[in-house]
Amino acid sequence: MRRDGKPALNASPPDTGGMRCVPSHRFPANGEAAVTEQCWVVEELALFLDVAEVGLYTLMCTRTDARAAAGFLPGEGVLGDAPVPEALALCAGFLLTESMIDSLDDVASMAICPESPEVVQVRLVDPARVRTNRRGGFVASSCGICGGVDEAGNIQGGLARVGDTLRLDAACSTPLMEEMQRLQTVFNTTGGTHAAALFSSDARLIASAEDLGRHNALDKVIGQCLLRERATAGCGAMLSGRVSLELIIKAARAGIELVAAVSAPSSMAIEAADKLGITLCGFVRQGRLTAFTHPHRLNRG
C-alpha cells in the first residue's frame, strides 16, 4: 500500500531492499470479483545482537541495505564496503538507548558475522557496568519499554534533562518532515514502515532511516550518527507516526532536544518530555504543528 493508499503491484521498484513481493487477492469496493495480483510488502526479519557477557537479543526489524560483512573497531571506525551498514547502526543505537553504552568508547568491537549476516557480535570494554533493564530476549517490531508504569517512572528518574541549545524556526518543520518522507522508499512502495530523521541546529537533515518498528527507525538514525562520530546532543528528530514514552526516553539518552511527529503524542510521552526538557511537537503537517512541551525552542522567522 503506497502513500496514496493504493497497493504497490507487480513492477519492481528501483531498489527492493526491505521489501518482498507476495501474491494477494484484492476485493474491490464496487463488489466486483476478487483480483489476484502480486503486491510489495515490507520485510520483517530477525537480527540477533550478541553482547558478550550481557545477553543475546533478537531484534525484529527491516533491513533495507545489502547484508554484507562489516564491523567497527575503536580508532579505526567502520570497517567494510558500506559507509554505515544498517545492521551496525541499529545495534549501535540500541546499545546507547538501552543504556548499555554511553558512547562508542564503551565498545571494544562490533561486527556482522561473515558466515551469518543476521548476527551482530559485540564486545564491551566493561560489560560488568551495564545497567540495562533487558538482559537478552526478544524485542518485537512494536516493542516498547519492558515493565509497567512504575518501571517507566524509574527509567525516567535515571535520566538527566537534555541541553537547551537548539532553536528552530517553526516554519522549517514541514519542509524537514517532507524531506524525510521523500526518503521513505520502502514506505512509498509498501505503506508498511515508520521513519525517523535527525536534523542539526541549522535545520539540515543529517540522518534518516525507516523500519517496521518506530523505535528501530530512531535507533538506526542515532546509530548512524554514532558511527559517523556525529554528535546527536542538541539535534532534533522527525518521526513519521505517533510518539509514545519509549521514543522520548530514547531521544533523551541521545541528548535530542526536540521531537516532532506527523501524528499525536501519548500522555506519558508528554509528561516525560516535560520532565526531561524536550520540546515535543505533534501534528506536523501542512505548515502547522502543535507544541506540547517547552515551546521556547520554536520561533517564527
C-alpha atoms as a PDB file:
ATOM      1  CA  MET A   1       0.000   0.000   0.000  1.00  0.00           C
ATOM      2  CA  ARG A   2       1.602   3.257  -1.113  1.00  0.00           C
ATOM      3  CA  ARG A   3       1.308   6.737   0.431  1.00  0.00           C
ATOM      4  CA  ASP A   4      -1.664   7.387  -1.873  1.00  0.00           C
ATOM      5  CA  GLY A   5      -3.485   4.400  -0.365  1.00  0.00           C
ATOM      6  CA  LYS A   6      -3.172   2.138  -3.400  1.00  0.00           C
ATOM      7  CA  PRO A   7      -1.394  -1.256  -3.322  1.00  0.00           C
ATOM      8  CA  ALA A   8       2.027  -1.475  -4.963  1.00  0.00           C
ATOM      9  CA  LEU A   9       1.622  -4.007  -7.744  1.00  0.00           C
ATOM     10  CA  ASN A  10       3.801  -6.163  -9.964  1.00  0.00           C
ATOM     11  CA  ALA A  11       6.531  -3.861 -11.342  1.00  0.00           C
ATOM     12  CA  SER A  12       9.708  -3.930  -9.261  1.00  0.00           C
ATOM     13  CA  PRO A  13      10.708  -0.642  -7.608  1.00  0.00           C
ATOM     14  CA  PRO A  14      14.254   0.593  -8.402  1.00  0.00           C
ATOM     15  CA  ASP A  15      15.529  -0.684  -5.033  1.00  0.00           C
ATOM     16  CA  THR A  16      13.829  -3.663  -3.402  1.00  0.00           C
ATOM     17  CA  GLY A  17      15.797  -3.641  -0.129  1.00  0.00           C
ATOM     18  CA  GLY A  18      13.439  -4.183   2.809  1.00  0.00           C
ATOM     19  CA  MET A  19      10.606  -5.371   0.569  1.00  0.00           C
ATOM     20  CA  ARG A  20       9.200  -8.625  -0.732  1.00  0.00           C
ATOM     21  CA  CYS A  21       6.713  -9.366  -3.492  1.00  0.00           C
ATOM     22  CA  VAL A  22       3.866 -11.662  -2.423  1.00  0.00           C
ATOM     23  CA  PRO A  23       0.629 -12.916  -4.013  1.00  0.00           C
ATOM     24  CA  SER A  24      -2.582 -11.242  -2.872  1.00  0.00           C
ATOM     25  CA  HIS A  25      -6.319 -11.214  -3.591  1.00  0.00           C
ATOM     26  CA  ARG A  26      -7.833  -7.744  -3.841  1.00  0.00           C
ATOM     27  CA  PHE A  27     -11.585  -7.375  -3.301  1.00  0.00           C
ATOM     28  CA  PRO A  28     -12.795  -4.146  -4.998  1.00  0.00           C
ATOM     29  CA  ALA A  29     -15.231  -1.882  -3.146  1.00  0.00           C
ATOM     30  CA  ASN A  30     -17.653  -1.945  -6.063  1.00  0.00           C
ATOM     31  CA  GLY A  31     -18.492  -5.607  -5.453  1.00  0.00           C
ATOM     32  CA  GLU A  32     -16.652  -6.963  -8.494  1.00  0.00           C
ATOM     33  CA  ALA A  33     -14.851 -10.301  -8.366  1.00  0.00           C
ATOM     34  CA  ALA A  34     -11.575 -10.577  -6.442  1.00  0.00           C
ATOM     35  CA  VAL A  35      -8.406  -9.839  -8.424  1.00  0.00           C
ATOM     36  CA  THR A  36      -5.275 -11.946  -7.966  1.00  0.00           C
ATOM     37  CA  GLU A  37      -2.126  -9.863  -8.135  1.00  0.00           C
ATOM     38  CA  GLN A  38       1.435  -9.513  -6.851  1.00  0.00           C
ATOM     39  CA  CYS A  39       1.894  -6.947  -4.090  1.00  0.00           C
ATOM     40  CA  TRP A  40       5.011  -5.434  -2.500  1.00  0.00           C
ATOM     41  CA  VAL A  41       5.114  -5.665   1.312  1.00  0.00           C
ATOM     42  CA  VAL A  42       7.662  -4.658   3.944  1.00  0.00           C
ATOM     43  CA  GLU A  43      10.056  -7.375   5.078  1.00  0.00           C
ATOM     44  CA  GLU A  44      10.288  -8.326   8.754  1.00  0.00           C
ATOM     45  CA  LEU A  45      13.443 -10.196   9.732  1.00  0.00           C
ATOM     46  CA  ALA A  46      15.276 -11.223  12.882  1.00  0.00           C
ATOM     47  CA  LEU A  47      18.608  -9.595  13.695  1.00  0.00           C
ATOM     48  CA  PHE A  48      20.496 -11.299  16.524  1.00  0.00           C
ATOM     49  CA  LEU A  49      22.578  -8.982  18.702  1.00  0.00           C
ATOM     50  CA  ASP A  50      25.037 -10.998  20.786  1.00  0.00           C
ATOM     51  CA  VAL A  51      26.551  -8.791  23.505  1.00  0.00           C
ATOM     52  CA  ALA A  52      29.274 -10.811  25.198  1.00  0.00           C
ATOM     53  CA  GLU A  53      28.710 -11.277  28.962  1.00  0.00           C
ATOM     54  CA  VAL A  54      25.455  -9.299  28.794  1.00  0.00           C
ATOM     55  CA  GLY A  55      22.887 -11.139  26.685  1.00  0.00           C
ATOM     56  CA  LEU A  56      21.559 -12.241  23.314  1.00  0.00           C
ATOM     57  CA  TYR A  57      18.862 -10.010  21.821  1.00  0.00           C
ATOM     58  CA  THR A  58      16.559 -10.845  18.921  1.00  0.00           C
ATOM     59  CA  LEU A  59      15.556  -7.616  17.184  1.00  0.00           C
ATOM     60  CA  MET A  60      12.646  -7.892  14.756  1.00  0.00           C
ATOM     61  CA  CYS A  61      13.381  -5.282  12.123  1.00  0.00           C
ATOM     62  CA  THR A  62      13.540  -4.296   8.464  1.00  0.00           C
ATOM     63  CA  ARG A  63      16.917  -4.279   6.716  1.00  0.00           C
ATOM     64  CA  THR A  64      16.937  -2.051   3.664  1.00  0.00           C
ATOM     65  CA  ASP A  65      20.593  -2.390   2.627  1.00  0.00           C
ATOM     66  CA  ALA A  66      22.824  -5.217   1.423  1.00  0.00           C
ATOM     67  CA  ARG A  67      23.675  -7.778   4.102  1.00  0.00           C
ATOM     68  CA  ALA A  68      27.463  -7.786   3.843  1.00  0.00           C
ATOM     69  CA  ALA A  69      30.162  -8.398   6.438  1.00  0.00           C
ATOM     70  CA  ALA A  70      31.215  -5.257   8.273  1.00  0.00           C
ATOM     71  CA  GLY A  71      32.495  -4.170  11.642  1.00  0.00           C
ATOM     72  CA  PHE A  72      33.607  -1.398  13.961  1.00  0.00           C
ATOM     73  CA  LEU A  73      36.831  -1.032  15.923  1.00  0.00           C
ATOM     74  CA  PRO A  74      37.866   1.892  18.144  1.00  0.00           C
ATOM     75  CA  GLY A  75      40.445   4.036  16.410  1.00  0.00           C
ATOM     76  CA  GLU A  76      39.602   2.553  13.000  1.00  0.00           C
ATOM     77  CA  GLY A  77      35.893   3.291  12.737  1.00  0.00           C
ATOM     78  CA  VAL A  78      33.543   1.355  10.466  1.00  0.00           C
ATOM     79  CA  LEU A  79      35.169  -1.458   8.507  1.00  0.00           C
ATOM     80  CA  GLY A  80      33.581  -2.677   5.272  1.00  0.00           C
ATOM     81  CA  ASP A  81      32.343  -1.514   1.884  1.00  0.00           C
ATOM     82  CA  ALA A  82      29.231   0.379   3.059  1.00  0.00           C
ATOM     83  CA  PRO A  83      29.728   3.752   4.808  1.00  0.00           C
ATOM     84  CA  VAL A  84      27.413   2.840   7.722  1.00  0.00           C
ATOM     85  CA  PRO A  85      25.860  -0.643   7.473  1.00  0.00           C
ATOM     86  CA  GLU A  86      22.264  -0.536   8.666  1.00  0.00           C
ATOM     87  CA  ALA A  87      22.635  -3.537  10.993  1.00  0.00           C
ATOM     88  CA  LEU A  88      25.557  -1.865  12.785  1.00  0.00           C
ATOM     89  CA  ALA A  89      23.641   1.427  13.004  1.00  0.00           C
ATOM     90  CA  LEU A  90      20.605  -0.301  14.536  1.00  0.00           C
ATOM     91  CA  CYS A  91      22.739  -2.175  17.064  1.00  0.00           C
ATOM     92  CA  ALA A  92      24.817   0.880  17.997  1.00  0.00           C
ATOM     93  CA  GLY A  93      21.659   2.938  18.529  1.00  0.00           C
ATOM     94  CA  PHE A  94      20.038   0.128  20.534  1.00  0.00           C
ATOM     95  CA  LEU A  95      23.108  -0.188  22.781  1.00  0.00           C
ATOM     96  CA  LEU A  96      23.038   3.545  23.519  1.00  0.00           C
ATOM     97  CA  THR A  97      19.297   3.977  24.002  1.00  0.00           C
ATOM     98  CA  GLU A  98      19.096   0.855  26.188  1.00  0.00           C
ATOM     99  CA  SER A  99      21.878   2.290  28.412  1.00  0.00           C
ATOM    100  CA  MET A 100      24.367  -0.484  27.649  1.00  0.00           C
ATOM    101  CA  ILE A 101      26.858   2.142  26.474  1.00  0.00           C
ATOM    102  CA  ASP A 102      27.289   5.888  26.941  1.00  0.00           C
ATOM    103  CA  SER A 103      29.374   6.284  23.764  1.00  0.00           C
ATOM    104  CA  LEU A 104      31.360   4.192  21.305  1.00  0.00           C
ATOM    105  CA  ASP A 105      34.281   4.456  23.723  1.00  0.00           C
ATOM    106  CA  ASP A 106      32.483   1.696  25.645  1.00  0.00           C
ATOM    107  CA  VAL A 107      32.615  -0.667  22.635  1.00  0.00           C
ATOM    108  CA  ALA A 108      35.677  -2.899  22.223  1.00  0.00           C
ATOM    109  CA  SER A 109      34.434  -4.334  18.919  1.00  0.00           C
ATOM    110  CA  MET A 110      31.259  -4.788  16.894  1.00  0.00           C
ATOM    111  CA  ALA A 111      30.945  -6.970  13.793  1.00  0.00           C
ATOM    112  CA  ILE A 112      28.435  -8.526  11.415  1.00  0.00           C
ATOM    113  CA  CYS A 113      29.314 -12.207  11.115  1.00  0.00           C
ATOM    114  CA  PRO A 114      30.583 -13.048   7.595  1.00  0.00           C
ATOM    115  CA  GLU A 115      29.002 -16.519   7.724  1.00  0.00           C
ATOM    116  CA  SER A 116      25.746 -15.332   9.356  1.00  0.00           C
ATOM    117  CA  PRO A 117      24.875 -11.750   8.320  1.00  0.00           C
ATOM    118  CA  GLU A 118      21.819 -11.865  10.597  1.00  0.00           C
ATOM    119  CA  VAL A 119      24.158 -11.933  13.642  1.00  0.00           C
ATOM    120  CA  VAL A 120      25.978  -8.925  15.103  1.00  0.00           C
ATOM    121  CA  GLN A 121      28.568  -9.691  17.784  1.00  0.00           C
ATOM    122  CA  VAL A 122      29.574  -7.019  20.291  1.00  0.00           C
ATOM    123  CA  ARG A 123      32.266  -6.924  22.951  1.00  0.00           C
ATOM    124  CA  LEU A 124      32.103  -4.145  25.517  1.00  0.00           C
ATOM    125  CA  VAL A 125      35.072  -2.614  27.298  1.00  0.00           C
ATOM    126  CA  ASP A 126      33.443  -3.226  30.691  1.00  0.00           C
ATOM    127  CA  PRO A 127      30.341  -5.449  30.463  1.00  0.00           C
ATOM    128  CA  ALA A 128      30.045  -5.521  34.266  1.00  0.00           C
ATOM    129  CA  ARG A 129      28.897  -1.881  34.319  1.00  0.00           C
ATOM    130  CA  VAL A 130      25.900  -2.446  32.027  1.00  0.00           C
ATOM    131  CA  ARG A 131      22.713  -1.201  33.700  1.00  0.00           C
ATOM    132  CA  THR A 132      20.053  -2.171  31.171  1.00  0.00           C
ATOM    133  CA  ASN A 133      16.590  -3.498  32.064  1.00  0.00           C
ATOM    134  CA  ARG A 134      16.868  -6.045  29.236  1.00  0.00           C
ATOM    135  CA  ARG A 135      19.264  -8.939  29.841  1.00  0.00           C
ATOM    136  CA  GLY A 136      18.693 -10.579  26.498  1.00  0.00           C
ATOM    137  CA  GLY A 137      15.424 -11.633  24.943  1.00  0.00           C
ATOM    138  CA  PHE A 138      13.027 -10.952  22.099  1.00  0.00           C
ATOM    139  CA  VAL A 139      12.414  -7.349  21.022  1.00  0.00           C
ATOM    140  CA  ALA A 140       9.391  -7.206  18.710  1.00  0.00           C
ATOM    141  CA  SER A 141       8.962  -4.628  15.978  1.00  0.00           C
ATOM    142  CA  SER A 142       6.280  -2.996  18.145  1.00  0.00           C
ATOM    143  CA  CYS A 143       8.155  -3.401  21.432  1.00  0.00           C
ATOM    144  CA  GLY A 144       8.482  -0.533  23.872  1.00  0.00           C
ATOM    145  CA  ILE A 145       9.542  -0.456  27.496  1.00  0.00           C
ATOM    146  CA  CYS A 146       9.562  -3.726  29.388  1.00  0.00           C
ATOM    147  CA  GLY A 147       7.533  -3.486  32.597  1.00  0.00           C
ATOM    148  CA  GLY A 148       4.617  -1.398  33.801  1.00  0.00           C
ATOM    149  CA  VAL A 149       4.014   2.216  34.728  1.00  0.00           C
ATOM    150  CA  ASP A 150       6.226   2.064  37.828  1.00  0.00           C
ATOM    151  CA  GLU A 151       9.115   0.719  35.742  1.00  0.00           C
ATOM    152  CA  ALA A 152       8.633   3.523  33.221  1.00  0.00           C
ATOM    153  CA  GLY A 153       8.834   6.053  36.042  1.00  0.00           C
ATOM    154  CA  ASN A 154      12.022   4.502  37.326  1.00  0.00           C
ATOM    155  CA  ILE A 155      13.619   4.721  33.867  1.00  0.00           C
ATOM    156  CA  GLN A 156      12.725   8.409  33.559  1.00  0.00           C
ATOM    157  CA  GLY A 157      14.115   9.066  37.015  1.00  0.00           C
ATOM    158  CA  GLY A 158      17.556   7.865  35.952  1.00  0.00           C
ATOM    159  CA  LEU A 159      17.815  10.312  33.048  1.00  0.00           C
ATOM    160  CA  ALA A 160      19.218  13.833  33.070  1.00  0.00           C
ATOM    161  CA  ARG A 161      17.478  16.742  31.360  1.00  0.00           C
ATOM    162  CA  VAL A 162      18.718  17.418  27.850  1.00  0.00           C
ATOM    163  CA  GLY A 163      20.593  20.623  26.970  1.00  0.00           C
ATOM    164  CA  ASP A 164      18.973  23.824  25.791  1.00  0.00           C
ATOM    165  CA  THR A 165      20.906  24.968  22.737  1.00  0.00           C
ATOM    166  CA  LEU A 166      18.585  24.164  19.825  1.00  0.00           C
ATOM    167  CA  ARG A 167      16.396  26.869  18.309  1.00  0.00           C
ATOM    168  CA  LEU A 168      14.234  26.233  15.249  1.00  0.00           C
ATOM    169  CA  ASP A 169      12.050  28.354  13.034  1.00  0.00           C
ATOM    170  CA  ALA A 170       8.684  26.619  13.323  1.00  0.00           C
ATOM    171  CA  ALA A 171       8.218  27.067   9.565  1.00  0.00           C
ATOM    172  CA  CYS A 172      11.140  24.666   8.970  1.00  0.00           C
ATOM    173  CA  SER A 173       9.258  21.736  10.493  1.00  0.00           C
ATOM    174  CA  THR A 174       7.092  20.911   7.486  1.00  0.00           C
ATOM    175  CA  PRO A 175       9.944  21.018   4.903  1.00  0.00           C
ATOM    176  CA  LEU A 176      12.020  18.758   7.172  1.00  0.00           C
ATOM    177  CA  MET A 177       9.121  16.336   7.525  1.00  0.00           C
ATOM    178  CA  GLU A 178       8.535  16.347   3.763  1.00  0.00           C
ATOM    179  CA  GLU A 179      12.227  15.721   3.078  1.00  0.00           C
ATOM    180  CA  MET A 180      12.164  12.707   5.416  1.00  0.00           C
ATOM    181  CA  GLN A 181       9.034  11.380   3.704  1.00  0.00           C
ATOM    182  CA  ARG A 182      10.657  11.658   0.257  1.00  0.00           C
ATOM    183  CA  LEU A 183      13.450   9.409   1.533  1.00  0.00           C
ATOM    184  CA  GLN A 184      10.968   6.688   2.621  1.00  0.00           C
ATOM    185  CA  THR A 185      11.473   4.437  -0.392  1.00  0.00           C
ATOM    186  CA  VAL A 186      10.075   1.352   1.336  1.00  0.00           C
ATOM    187  CA  PHE A 187       7.007   3.145   2.705  1.00  0.00           C
ATOM    188  CA  ASN A 188       6.312   4.860  -0.601  1.00  0.00           C
ATOM    189  CA  THR A 189       6.104   1.416  -2.215  1.00  0.00           C
ATOM    190  CA  THR A 190       4.544  -0.692   0.556  1.00  0.00           C
ATOM    191  CA  GLY A 191       2.953   1.701   3.071  1.00  0.00           C
ATOM    192  CA  GLY A 192       4.408  -0.546   5.790  1.00  0.00           C
ATOM    193  CA  THR A 193       7.258   1.295   7.530  1.00  0.00           C
ATOM    194  CA  HIS A 194       7.893   4.060  10.018  1.00  0.00           C
ATOM    195  CA  ALA A 195      10.620   6.655   9.511  1.00  0.00           C
ATOM    196  CA  ALA A 196      12.909   8.767  11.657  1.00  0.00           C
ATOM    197  CA  ALA A 197      15.336  11.524  10.793  1.00  0.00           C
ATOM    198  CA  LEU A 198      17.740  13.691  12.762  1.00  0.00           C
ATOM    199  CA  PHE A 199      18.386  17.319  11.917  1.00  0.00           C
ATOM    200  CA  SER A 200      21.067  19.737  13.047  1.00  0.00           C
ATOM    201  CA  SER A 201      20.759  23.138  14.692  1.00  0.00           C
ATOM    202  CA  ASP A 202      20.804  24.755  11.245  1.00  0.00           C
ATOM    203  CA  ALA A 203      17.781  22.679  10.146  1.00  0.00           C
ATOM    204  CA  ARG A 204      19.659  20.271   7.892  1.00  0.00           C
ATOM    205  CA  LEU A 205      18.800  16.562   7.776  1.00  0.00           C
ATOM    206  CA  ILE A 206      21.875  14.608   8.906  1.00  0.00           C
ATOM    207  CA  ALA A 207      20.473  11.040   9.117  1.00  0.00           C
ATOM    208  CA  SER A 208      17.342   9.192   8.048  1.00  0.00           C
ATOM    209  CA  ALA A 209      16.068   5.614   8.243  1.00  0.00           C
ATOM    210  CA  GLU A 210      12.915   3.553   8.020  1.00  0.00           C
ATOM    211  CA  ASP A 211      11.839   0.319   9.643  1.00  0.00           C
ATOM    212  CA  LEU A 212       8.764  -1.701  10.504  1.00  0.00           C
ATOM    213  CA  GLY A 213       9.264  -0.547  14.111  1.00  0.00           C
ATOM    214  CA  ARG A 214       9.167   3.104  15.187  1.00  0.00           C
ATOM    215  CA  HIS A 215      11.806   2.570  17.859  1.00  0.00           C
ATOM    216  CA  ASN A 216      14.073   0.746  15.385  1.00  0.00           C
ATOM    217  CA  ALA A 217      13.959   3.677  12.957  1.00  0.00           C
ATOM    218  CA  LEU A 218      15.019   6.050  15.738  1.00  0.00           C
ATOM    219  CA  ASP A 219      17.764   3.684  16.914  1.00  0.00           C
ATOM    220  CA  LYS A 220      19.057   3.482  13.331  1.00  0.00           C
ATOM    221  CA  VAL A 221      19.494   7.236  12.915  1.00  0.00           C
ATOM    222  CA  ILE A 222      21.072   7.587  16.355  1.00  0.00           C
ATOM    223  CA  GLY A 223      23.408   4.715  15.490  1.00  0.00           C
ATOM    224  CA  GLN A 224      24.281   6.265  12.126  1.00  0.00           C
ATOM    225  CA  CYS A 225      25.425   9.413  13.879  1.00  0.00           C
ATOM    226  CA  LEU A 226      27.379   7.462  16.493  1.00  0.00           C
ATOM    227  CA  LEU A 227      29.248   5.513  13.822  1.00  0.00           C
ATOM    228  CA  ARG A 228      29.920   8.684  11.830  1.00  0.00           C
ATOM    229  CA  GLU A 229      31.197  10.365  15.008  1.00  0.00           C
ATOM    230  CA  ARG A 230      28.481  12.977  14.652  1.00  0.00           C
ATOM    231  CA  ALA A 231      27.086  14.233  17.975  1.00  0.00           C
ATOM    232  CA  THR A 232      23.342  13.815  18.499  1.00  0.00           C
ATOM    233  CA  ALA A 233      23.178  16.122  21.535  1.00  0.00           C
ATOM    234  CA  GLY A 234      21.473  19.357  20.566  1.00  0.00           C
ATOM    235  CA  CYS A 235      19.819  17.851  17.487  1.00  0.00           C
ATOM    236  CA  GLY A 236      16.144  17.416  16.691  1.00  0.00           C
ATOM    237  CA  ALA A 237      14.235  14.343  15.498  1.00  0.00           C
ATOM    238  CA  MET A 238      11.432  13.939  12.977  1.00  0.00           C
ATOM    239  CA  LEU A 239       9.148  10.903  13.343  1.00  0.00           C
ATOM    240  CA  SER A 240       6.554   9.572  10.912  1.00  0.00           C
ATOM    241  CA  GLY A 241       3.969   8.306  13.409  1.00  0.00           C
ATOM    242  CA  ARG A 242       2.722   8.768  16.931  1.00  0.00           C
ATOM    243  CA  VAL A 243       5.072   9.418  19.860  1.00  0.00           C
ATOM    244  CA  SER A 244       4.963   7.160  22.894  1.00  0.00           C
ATOM    245  CA  LEU A 245       7.042   7.132  26.058  1.00  0.00           C
ATOM    246  CA  GLU A 246       9.880   4.895  24.874  1.00  0.00           C
ATOM    247  CA  LEU A 247      10.684   7.218  21.957  1.00  0.00           C
ATOM    248  CA  ILE A 248      11.085  10.174  24.312  1.00  0.00           C
ATOM    249  CA  ILE A 249      13.360   8.111  26.561  1.00  0.00           C
ATOM    250  CA  LYS A 250      15.477   7.073  23.575  1.00  0.00           C
ATOM    251  CA  ALA A 251      15.677  10.709  22.460  1.00  0.00           C
ATOM    252  CA  ALA A 252      16.731  11.813  25.949  1.00  0.00           C
ATOM    253  CA  ARG A 253      19.506   9.207  26.095  1.00  0.00           C
ATOM    254  CA  ALA A 254      20.861  10.611  22.828  1.00  0.00           C
ATOM    255  CA  GLY A 255      20.602  14.230  24.021  1.00  0.00           C
ATOM    256  CA  ILE A 256      17.981  15.097  21.382  1.00  0.00           C
ATOM    257  CA  GLU A 257      16.279  18.370  22.341  1.00  0.00           C
ATOM    258  CA  LEU A 258      13.251  18.424  20.033  1.00  0.00           C
ATOM    259  CA  VAL A 259      10.996  15.609  18.822  1.00  0.00           C
ATOM    260  CA  ALA A 260       8.443  16.394  16.112  1.00  0.00           C
ATOM    261  CA  ALA A 261       5.971  13.896  14.701  1.00  0.00           C
ATOM    262  CA  VAL A 262       3.352  13.849  11.989  1.00  0.00           C
ATOM    263  CA  SER A 263       0.866  12.301  14.438  1.00  0.00           C
ATOM    264  CA  ALA A 264      -0.062  12.636  18.117  1.00  0.00           C
ATOM    265  CA  PRO A 265       1.953  12.056  21.305  1.00  0.00           C
ATOM    266  CA  SER A 266       0.723   9.984  24.237  1.00  0.00           C
ATOM    267  CA  SER A 267       0.083  11.415  27.706  1.00  0.00           C
ATOM    268  CA  MET A 268       3.168   9.684  29.156  1.00  0.00           C
ATOM    269  CA  ALA A 269       5.308  10.943  26.285  1.00  0.00           C
ATOM    270  CA  ILE A 270       4.200  14.497  27.080  1.00  0.00           C
ATOM    271  CA  GLU A 271       4.911  14.056  30.799  1.00  0.00           C
ATOM    272  CA  ALA A 272       8.356  12.595  30.131  1.00  0.00           C
ATOM    273  CA  ALA A 273       9.261  15.271  27.563  1.00  0.00           C
ATOM    274  CA  ASP A 274       8.251  17.994  30.018  1.00  0.00           C
ATOM    275  CA  LYS A 275      10.349  16.459  32.795  1.00  0.00           C
ATOM    276  CA  LEU A 276      13.381  15.822  30.559  1.00  0.00           C
ATOM    277  CA  GLY A 277      13.368  19.275  28.939  1.00  0.00           C
ATOM    278  CA  ILE A 278      12.461  18.051  25.437  1.00  0.00           C
ATOM    279  CA  THR A 279      10.321  20.115  23.075  1.00  0.00           C
ATOM    280  CA  LEU A 280       7.627  17.717  21.881  1.00  0.00           C
ATOM    281  CA  CYS A 281       5.563  18.589  18.814  1.00  0.00           C
ATOM    282  CA  GLY A 282       2.768  16.702  17.117  1.00  0.00           C
ATOM    283  CA  PHE A 283       0.622  17.094  14.002  1.00  0.00           C
ATOM    284  CA  VAL A 284       3.491  18.445  11.892  1.00  0.00           C
ATOM    285  CA  ARG A 285       1.791  18.838   8.547  1.00  0.00           C
ATOM    286  CA  GLN A 286       0.632  21.432   6.028  1.00  0.00           C
ATOM    287  CA  GLY A 287       2.731  24.213   7.562  1.00  0.00           C
ATOM    288  CA  ARG A 288       1.476  23.823  11.130  1.00  0.00           C
ATOM    289  CA  LEU A 289       2.354  21.980  14.311  1.00  0.00           C
ATOM    290  CA  THR A 290       1.252  21.710  17.935  1.00  0.00           C
ATOM    291  CA  ALA A 291       3.903  22.089  20.648  1.00  0.00           C
ATOM    292  CA  PHE A 292       3.031  20.225  23.868  1.00  0.00           C
ATOM    293  CA  THR A 293       6.164  20.970  25.908  1.00  0.00           C
ATOM    294  CA  HIS A 294       8.941  23.582  26.035  1.00  0.00           C
ATOM    295  CA  PRO A 295       7.799  25.725  23.062  1.00  0.00           C
ATOM    296  CA  HIS A 296      10.581  28.265  23.736  1.00  0.00           C
ATOM    297  CA  ARG A 297      12.832  26.447  21.233  1.00  0.00           C
ATOM    298  CA  LEU A 298      10.445  27.379  18.404  1.00  0.00           C
ATOM    299  CA  ASN A 299      10.288  30.815  16.817  1.00  0.00           C
ATOM    300  CA  ARG A 300       8.642  32.495  13.843  1.00  0.00           C
ATOM    301  CA  GLY A 301      11.035  33.862  11.212  1.00  0.00           C
END
